[in-house]
């Protein structure tokens, strides 16, 4: 499994913390707000790479579809 970049690690950790706190995954907009990004497209890009590296799984067109595969 490929290692995450620093920014990808921050996104991945934010996802895990959100799920631990709320028992459901965050949306891209929620992640954008948590991490201080101005565009949800930035988050989507990070999620694409995190998914390609095997840390999460998403279902297209479902807002809360993030499933953590690697802790």
PDB file of N, CA and C in Angstrom:
ATOM      1  N   UNK A   1       0.840  -1.176   0.000  1.00  0.00           N
ATOM      2  CA  UNK A   1       0.000   0.000   0.000  1.00  0.00           C
ATOM      3  C   UNK A   1       0.886   1.240   0.000  1.00  0.00           C
ATOM      4  N   UNK A   2       0.520   2.197  -0.828  1.00  0.00           N
ATOM      5  CA  UNK A   2       1.292   3.434  -0.923  1.00  0.00           C
ATOM      6  C   UNK A   2       1.022   4.335   0.276  1.00  0.00           C
ATOM      7  N   UNK A   3       2.045   5.059   0.660  1.00  0.00           N
ATOM      8  CA  UNK A   3       1.937   5.966   1.794  1.00  0.00           C
ATOM      9  C   UNK A   3       1.222   7.249   1.385  1.00  0.00           C
ATOM     10  N   UNK A   4       0.487   7.827   2.321  1.00  0.00           N
ATOM     11  CA  UNK A   4      -0.220   9.078   2.073  1.00  0.00           C
ATOM     12  C   UNK A   4       0.722  10.266   2.211  1.00  0.00           C
ATOM     13  N   UNK A   5       0.441  11.326   1.440  1.00  0.00           N
ATOM     14  CA  UNK A   5       1.179  12.573   1.602  1.00  0.00           C
ATOM     15  C   UNK A   5       0.717  13.242   2.899  1.00  0.00           C
ATOM     16  N   UNK A   6       1.387  14.292   3.283  1.00  0.00           N
ATOM     17  CA  UNK A   6       1.030  15.013   4.511  1.00  0.00           C
ATOM     18  C   UNK A   6      -0.416  15.518   4.437  1.00  0.00           C
ATOM     19  N   UNK A   7      -0.792  16.143   3.336  1.00  0.00           N
ATOM     20  CA  UNK A   7      -2.158  16.666   3.197  1.00  0.00           C
ATOM     21  C   UNK A   7      -3.182  15.540   3.167  1.00  0.00           C
ATOM     22  N   UNK A   8      -2.852  14.450   2.486  1.00  0.00           N
ATOM     23  CA  UNK A   8      -3.766  13.306   2.441  1.00  0.00           C
ATOM     24  C   UNK A   8      -3.950  12.716   3.836  1.00  0.00           C
ATOM     25  N   UNK A   9      -2.876  12.669   4.621  1.00  0.00           N
ATOM     26  CA  UNK A   9      -2.977  12.176   6.000  1.00  0.00           C
ATOM     27  C   UNK A   9      -3.914  13.057   6.819  1.00  0.00           C
ATOM     28  N   UNK A  10      -3.823  14.376   6.627  1.00  0.00           N
ATOM     29  CA  UNK A  10      -4.713  15.291   7.358  1.00  0.00           C
ATOM     30  C   UNK A  10      -6.174  15.036   7.004  1.00  0.00           C
ATOM     31  N   UNK A  11      -6.448  14.829   5.724  1.00  0.00           N
ATOM     32  CA  UNK A  11      -7.817  14.545   5.280  1.00  0.00           C
ATOM     33  C   UNK A  11      -8.275  13.213   5.853  1.00  0.00           C
ATOM     34  N   UNK A  12      -7.426  12.196   5.765  1.00  0.00           N
ATOM     35  CA  UNK A  12      -7.770  10.866   6.263  1.00  0.00           C
ATOM     36  C   UNK A  12      -8.035  10.890   7.768  1.00  0.00           C
ATOM     37  N   UNK A  13      -7.193  11.582   8.516  1.00  0.00           N
ATOM     38  CA  UNK A  13      -7.398  11.699   9.964  1.00  0.00           C
ATOM     39  C   UNK A  13      -8.685  12.447  10.285  1.00  0.00           C
ATOM     40  N   UNK A  14      -8.997  13.487   9.512  1.00  0.00           N
ATOM     41  CA  UNK A  14     -10.244  14.240   9.722  1.00  0.00           C
ATOM     42  C   UNK A  14     -11.452  13.335   9.475  1.00  0.00           C
ATOM     43  N   UNK A  15     -11.369  12.475   8.477  1.00  0.00           N
ATOM     44  CA  UNK A  15     -12.457  11.534   8.194  1.00  0.00           C
ATOM     45  C   UNK A  15     -12.651  10.601   9.386  1.00  0.00           C
ATOM     46  N   UNK A  16     -11.557  10.015   9.866  1.00  0.00           N
ATOM     47  CA  UNK A  16     -11.651   9.070  10.982  1.00  0.00           C
ATOM     48  C   UNK A  16     -12.196   9.744  12.241  1.00  0.00           C
ATOM     49  N   UNK A  17     -11.720  10.950  12.536  1.00  0.00           N
ATOM     50  CA  UNK A  17     -12.195  11.673  13.713  1.00  0.00           C
ATOM     51  C   UNK A  17     -13.680  12.010  13.593  1.00  0.00           C
ATOM     52  N   UNK A  18     -14.108  12.418  12.394  1.00  0.00           N
ATOM     53  CA  UNK A  18     -15.511  12.751  12.172  1.00  0.00           C
ATOM     54  C   UNK A  18     -16.378  11.514  12.394  1.00  0.00           C
ATOM     55  N   UNK A  19     -15.956  10.379  11.849  1.00  0.00           N
ATOM     56  CA  UNK A  19     -16.721   9.138  12.010  1.00  0.00           C
ATOM     57  C   UNK A  19     -16.763   8.723  13.477  1.00  0.00           C
ATOM     58  N   UNK A  20     -15.637   8.823  14.180  1.00  0.00           N
ATOM     59  CA  UNK A  20     -15.608   8.474  15.609  1.00  0.00           C
ATOM     60  C   UNK A  20     -16.577   9.339  16.410  1.00  0.00           C
ATOM     61  N   UNK A  21     -16.646  10.613  16.077  1.00  0.00           N
ATOM     62  CA  UNK A  21     -17.494  11.556  16.817  1.00  0.00           C
ATOM     63  C   UNK A  21     -18.971  11.425  16.458  1.00  0.00           C
ATOM     64  N   UNK A  22     -19.270  11.195  15.159  1.00  0.00           N
ATOM     65  CA  UNK A  22     -20.654  11.262  14.692  1.00  0.00           C
ATOM     66  C   UNK A  22     -21.272   9.923  14.277  1.00  0.00           C
ATOM     67  N   UNK A  23     -20.454   8.886  14.172  1.00  0.00           N
ATOM     68  CA  UNK A  23     -20.906   7.546  13.752  1.00  0.00           C
ATOM     69  C   UNK A  23     -21.359   7.486  12.297  1.00  0.00           C
ATOM     70  N   UNK A  24     -21.009   8.480  11.511  1.00  0.00           N
ATOM     71  CA  UNK A  24     -21.258   8.462  10.070  1.00  0.00           C
ATOM     72  C   UNK A  24     -20.188   9.330   9.413  1.00  0.00           C
ATOM     73  N   UNK A  25     -19.892   9.080   8.125  1.00  0.00           N
ATOM     74  CA  UNK A  25     -18.809   9.818   7.455  1.00  0.00           C
ATOM     75  C   UNK A  25     -19.206  11.244   7.074  1.00  0.00           C
ATOM     76  N   UNK A  26     -18.209  12.094   6.902  1.00  0.00           N
ATOM     77  CA  UNK A  26     -18.474  13.481   6.508  1.00  0.00           C
ATOM     78  C   UNK A  26     -18.739  13.606   5.010  1.00  0.00           C
ATOM     79  N   UNK A  27     -19.387  14.687   4.633  1.00  0.00           N
ATOM     80  CA  UNK A  27     -19.520  15.039   3.218  1.00  0.00           C
ATOM     81  C   UNK A  27     -18.270  15.814   2.805  1.00  0.00           C
ATOM     82  N   UNK A  28     -18.110  16.029   1.513  1.00  0.00           N
ATOM     83  CA  UNK A  28     -16.980  16.837   1.030  1.00  0.00           C
ATOM     84  C   UNK A  28     -17.049  18.251   1.588  1.00  0.00           C
ATOM     85  N   UNK A  29     -18.249  18.816   1.644  1.00  0.00           N
ATOM     86  CA  UNK A  29     -18.391  20.180   2.187  1.00  0.00           C
ATOM     87  C   UNK A  29     -18.026  20.238   3.658  1.00  0.00           C
ATOM     88  N   UNK A  30     -18.397  19.218   4.419  1.00  0.00           N
ATOM     89  CA  UNK A  30     -18.023  19.200   5.832  1.00  0.00           C
ATOM     90  C   UNK A  30     -16.513  19.099   5.983  1.00  0.00           C
ATOM     91  N   UNK A  31     -15.875  18.241   5.194  1.00  0.00           N
ATOM     92  CA  UNK A  31     -14.416  18.141   5.233  1.00  0.00           C
ATOM     93  C   UNK A  31     -13.767  19.464   4.828  1.00  0.00           C
ATOM     94  N   UNK A  32     -14.320  20.103   3.817  1.00  0.00           N
ATOM     95  CA  UNK A  32     -13.814  21.404   3.359  1.00  0.00           C
ATOM     96  C   UNK A  32     -13.821  22.404   4.511  1.00  0.00           C
ATOM     97  N   UNK A  33     -14.909  22.449   5.241  1.00  0.00           N
ATOM     98  CA  UNK A  33     -15.033  23.386   6.361  1.00  0.00           C
ATOM     99  C   UNK A  33     -14.118  23.009   7.519  1.00  0.00           C
ATOM    100  N   UNK A  34     -14.029  21.727   7.837  1.00  0.00           N
ATOM    101  CA  UNK A  34     -13.176  21.264   8.933  1.00  0.00           C
ATOM    102  C   UNK A  34     -11.721  21.614   8.671  1.00  0.00           C
ATOM    103  N   UNK A  35     -11.279  21.417   7.435  1.00  0.00           N
ATOM    104  CA  UNK A  35      -9.874  21.593   7.091  1.00  0.00           C
ATOM    105  C   UNK A  35      -9.533  22.982   6.568  1.00  0.00           C
ATOM    106  N   UNK A  36     -10.540  23.841   6.403  1.00  0.00           N
ATOM    107  CA  UNK A  36     -10.291  25.219   5.988  1.00  0.00           C
ATOM    108  C   UNK A  36     -10.015  25.400   4.510  1.00  0.00           C
ATOM    109  N   UNK A  37     -10.469  24.477   3.692  1.00  0.00           N
ATOM    110  CA  UNK A  37     -10.308  24.623   2.235  1.00  0.00           C
ATOM    111  C   UNK A  37     -11.407  25.533   1.700  1.00  0.00           C
ATOM    112  N   UNK A  38     -11.131  26.195   0.585  1.00  0.00           N
ATOM    113  CA  UNK A  38     -12.136  27.077  -0.001  1.00  0.00           C
ATOM    114  C   UNK A  38     -12.979  26.358  -1.051  1.00  0.00           C
ATOM    115  N   UNK A  39     -12.479  25.245  -1.569  1.00  0.00           N
ATOM    116  CA  UNK A  39     -13.186  24.546  -2.639  1.00  0.00           C
ATOM    117  C   UNK A  39     -13.379  23.071  -2.303  1.00  0.00           C
ATOM    118  N   UNK A  40     -14.597  22.553  -2.489  1.00  0.00           N
ATOM    119  CA  UNK A  40     -14.808  21.120  -2.275  1.00  0.00           C
ATOM    120  C   UNK A  40     -14.056  20.267  -3.300  1.00  0.00           C
ATOM    121  N   UNK A  41     -13.693  20.864  -4.437  1.00  0.00           N
ATOM    122  CA  UNK A  41     -12.926  20.123  -5.438  1.00  0.00           C
ATOM    123  C   UNK A  41     -11.553  19.715  -4.905  1.00  0.00           C
ATOM    124  N   UNK A  42     -10.976  20.517  -4.050  1.00  0.00           N
ATOM    125  CA  UNK A  42      -9.694  20.158  -3.435  1.00  0.00           C
ATOM    126  C   UNK A  42      -9.846  18.900  -2.594  1.00  0.00           C
ATOM    127  N   UNK A  43     -10.908  18.843  -1.828  1.00  0.00           N
ATOM    128  CA  UNK A  43     -11.181  17.666  -0.999  1.00  0.00           C
ATOM    129  C   UNK A  43     -11.427  16.456  -1.889  1.00  0.00           C
ATOM    130  N   UNK A  44     -12.209  16.635  -2.938  1.00  0.00           N
ATOM    131  CA  UNK A  44     -12.504  15.530  -3.852  1.00  0.00           C
ATOM    132  C   UNK A  44     -11.212  14.967  -4.447  1.00  0.00           C
ATOM    133  N   UNK A  45     -10.293  15.836  -4.809  1.00  0.00           N
ATOM    134  CA  UNK A  45      -9.002  15.389  -5.342  1.00  0.00           C
ATOM    135  C   UNK A  45      -8.227  14.556  -4.335  1.00  0.00           C
ATOM    136  N   UNK A  46      -8.185  15.021  -3.093  1.00  0.00           N
ATOM    137  CA  UNK A  46      -7.507  14.256  -2.044  1.00  0.00           C
ATOM    138  C   UNK A  46      -8.197  12.906  -1.834  1.00  0.00           C
ATOM    139  N   UNK A  47      -9.523  12.914  -1.802  1.00  0.00           N
ATOM    140  CA  UNK A  47     -10.263  11.663  -1.607  1.00  0.00           C
ATOM    141  C   UNK A  47      -9.990  10.678  -2.733  1.00  0.00           C
ATOM    142  N   UNK A  48      -9.891  11.171  -3.961  1.00  0.00           N
ATOM    143  CA  UNK A  48      -9.578  10.301  -5.101  1.00  0.00           C
ATOM    144  C   UNK A  48      -8.254   9.572  -4.878  1.00  0.00           C
ATOM    145  N   UNK A  49      -7.234  10.318  -4.464  1.00  0.00           N
ATOM    146  CA  UNK A  49      -5.920   9.705  -4.260  1.00  0.00           C
ATOM    147  C   UNK A  49      -5.905   8.786  -3.040  1.00  0.00           C
ATOM    148  N   UNK A  50      -6.594   9.181  -1.965  1.00  0.00           N
ATOM    149  CA  UNK A  50      -6.660   8.337  -0.772  1.00  0.00           C
ATOM    150  C   UNK A  50      -7.359   7.017  -1.110  1.00  0.00           C
ATOM    151  N   UNK A  51      -8.391   7.096  -1.938  1.00  0.00           N
ATOM    152  CA  UNK A  51      -9.095   5.880  -2.352  1.00  0.00           C
ATOM    153  C   UNK A  51      -8.201   5.011  -3.245  1.00  0.00           C
ATOM    154  N   UNK A  52      -7.494   5.622  -4.190  1.00  0.00           N
ATOM    155  CA  UNK A  52      -6.587   4.866  -5.071  1.00  0.00           C
ATOM    156  C   UNK A  52      -5.490   4.164  -4.280  1.00  0.00           C
ATOM    157  N   UNK A  53      -5.101   4.751  -3.159  1.00  0.00           N
ATOM    158  CA  UNK A  53      -4.061   4.153  -2.323  1.00  0.00           C
ATOM    159  C   UNK A  53      -4.619   3.094  -1.377  1.00  0.00           C
ATOM    160  N   UNK A  54      -5.944   2.886  -1.386  1.00  0.00           N
ATOM    161  CA  UNK A  54      -6.557   1.796  -0.634  1.00  0.00           C
ATOM    162  C   UNK A  54      -6.930   2.074   0.803  1.00  0.00           C
ATOM    163  N   UNK A  55      -6.988   3.341   1.195  1.00  0.00           N
ATOM    164  CA  UNK A  55      -7.322   3.682   2.577  1.00  0.00           C
ATOM    165  C   UNK A  55      -8.824   3.850   2.805  1.00  0.00           C
ATOM    166  N   UNK A  56      -9.546   4.243   1.761  1.00  0.00           N
ATOM    167  CA  UNK A  56     -10.995   4.422   1.862  1.00  0.00           C
ATOM    168  C   UNK A  56     -11.661   3.828   0.618  1.00  0.00           C
ATOM    169  N   UNK A  57     -12.973   3.678   0.706  1.00  0.00           N
ATOM    170  CA  UNK A  57     -13.806   3.272  -0.428  1.00  0.00           C
ATOM    171  C   UNK A  57     -14.990   4.225  -0.462  1.00  0.00           C
ATOM    172  N   UNK A  58     -15.353   4.677  -1.670  1.00  0.00           N
ATOM    173  CA  UNK A  58     -16.502   5.574  -1.832  1.00  0.00           C
ATOM    174  C   UNK A  58     -17.454   5.021  -2.881  1.00  0.00           C
ATOM    175  N   UNK A  59     -18.715   5.406  -2.772  1.00  0.00           N
ATOM    176  CA  UNK A  59     -19.717   5.081  -3.774  1.00  0.00           C
ATOM    177  C   UNK A  59     -20.104   6.384  -4.457  1.00  0.00           C
ATOM    178  N   UNK A  60     -19.935   6.466  -5.781  1.00  0.00           N
ATOM    179  CA  UNK A  60     -20.273   7.702  -6.490  1.00  0.00           C
ATOM    180  C   UNK A  60     -21.733   8.108  -6.275  1.00  0.00           C
ATOM    181  N   UNK A  61     -21.979   9.399  -6.235  1.00  0.00           N
ATOM    182  CA  UNK A  61     -23.311  10.004  -6.143  1.00  0.00           C
ATOM    183  C   UNK A  61     -23.987   9.805  -4.786  1.00  0.00           C
ATOM    184  N   UNK A  62     -23.271   9.324  -3.788  1.00  0.00           N
ATOM    185  CA  UNK A  62     -23.824   9.235  -2.431  1.00  0.00           C
ATOM    186  C   UNK A  62     -22.960  10.128  -1.541  1.00  0.00           C
ATOM    187  N   UNK A  63     -23.575  11.119  -0.921  1.00  0.00           N
ATOM    188  CA  UNK A  63     -22.835  12.145  -0.180  1.00  0.00           C
ATOM    189  C   UNK A  63     -22.003  11.572   0.976  1.00  0.00           C
ATOM    190  N   UNK A  64     -22.535  10.644   1.720  1.00  0.00           N
ATOM    191  CA  UNK A  64     -21.835  10.103   2.897  1.00  0.00           C
ATOM    192  C   UNK A  64     -21.388   8.666   2.642  1.00  0.00           C
ATOM    193  N   UNK A  65     -20.638   8.487   1.570  1.00  0.00           N
ATOM    194  CA  UNK A  65     -20.286   7.125   1.152  1.00  0.00           C
ATOM    195  C   UNK A  65     -18.885   6.691   1.539  1.00  0.00           C
ATOM    196  N   UNK A  66     -18.162   7.460   2.336  1.00  0.00           N
ATOM    197  CA  UNK A  66     -16.781   7.125   2.659  1.00  0.00           C
ATOM    198  C   UNK A  66     -16.760   5.987   3.681  1.00  0.00           C
ATOM    199  N   UNK A  67     -16.034   4.928   3.343  1.00  0.00           N
ATOM    200  CA  UNK A  67     -15.812   3.810   4.261  1.00  0.00           C
ATOM    201  C   UNK A  67     -14.306   3.694   4.464  1.00  0.00           C
ATOM    202  N   UNK A  68     -13.866   3.714   5.716  1.00  0.00           N
ATOM    203  CA  UNK A  68     -12.446   3.596   6.031  1.00  0.00           C
ATOM    204  C   UNK A  68     -12.051   2.131   5.955  1.00  0.00           C
ATOM    205  N   UNK A  69     -11.042   1.830   5.129  1.00  0.00           N
ATOM    206  CA  UNK A  69     -10.558   0.456   4.966  1.00  0.00           C
ATOM    207  C   UNK A  69      -9.319   0.185   5.807  1.00  0.00           C
ATOM    208  N   UNK A  70      -8.517   1.208   6.033  1.00  0.00           N
ATOM    209  CA  UNK A  70      -7.275   1.095   6.797  1.00  0.00           C
ATOM    210  C   UNK A  70      -7.313   2.056   7.980  1.00  0.00           C
ATOM    211  N   UNK A  71      -7.020   1.565   9.141  1.00  0.00           N
ATOM    212  CA  UNK A  71      -6.997   2.422  10.323  1.00  0.00           C
ATOM    213  C   UNK A  71      -5.614   2.929  10.499  1.00  0.00           C
TER     214      UNK A  71
END
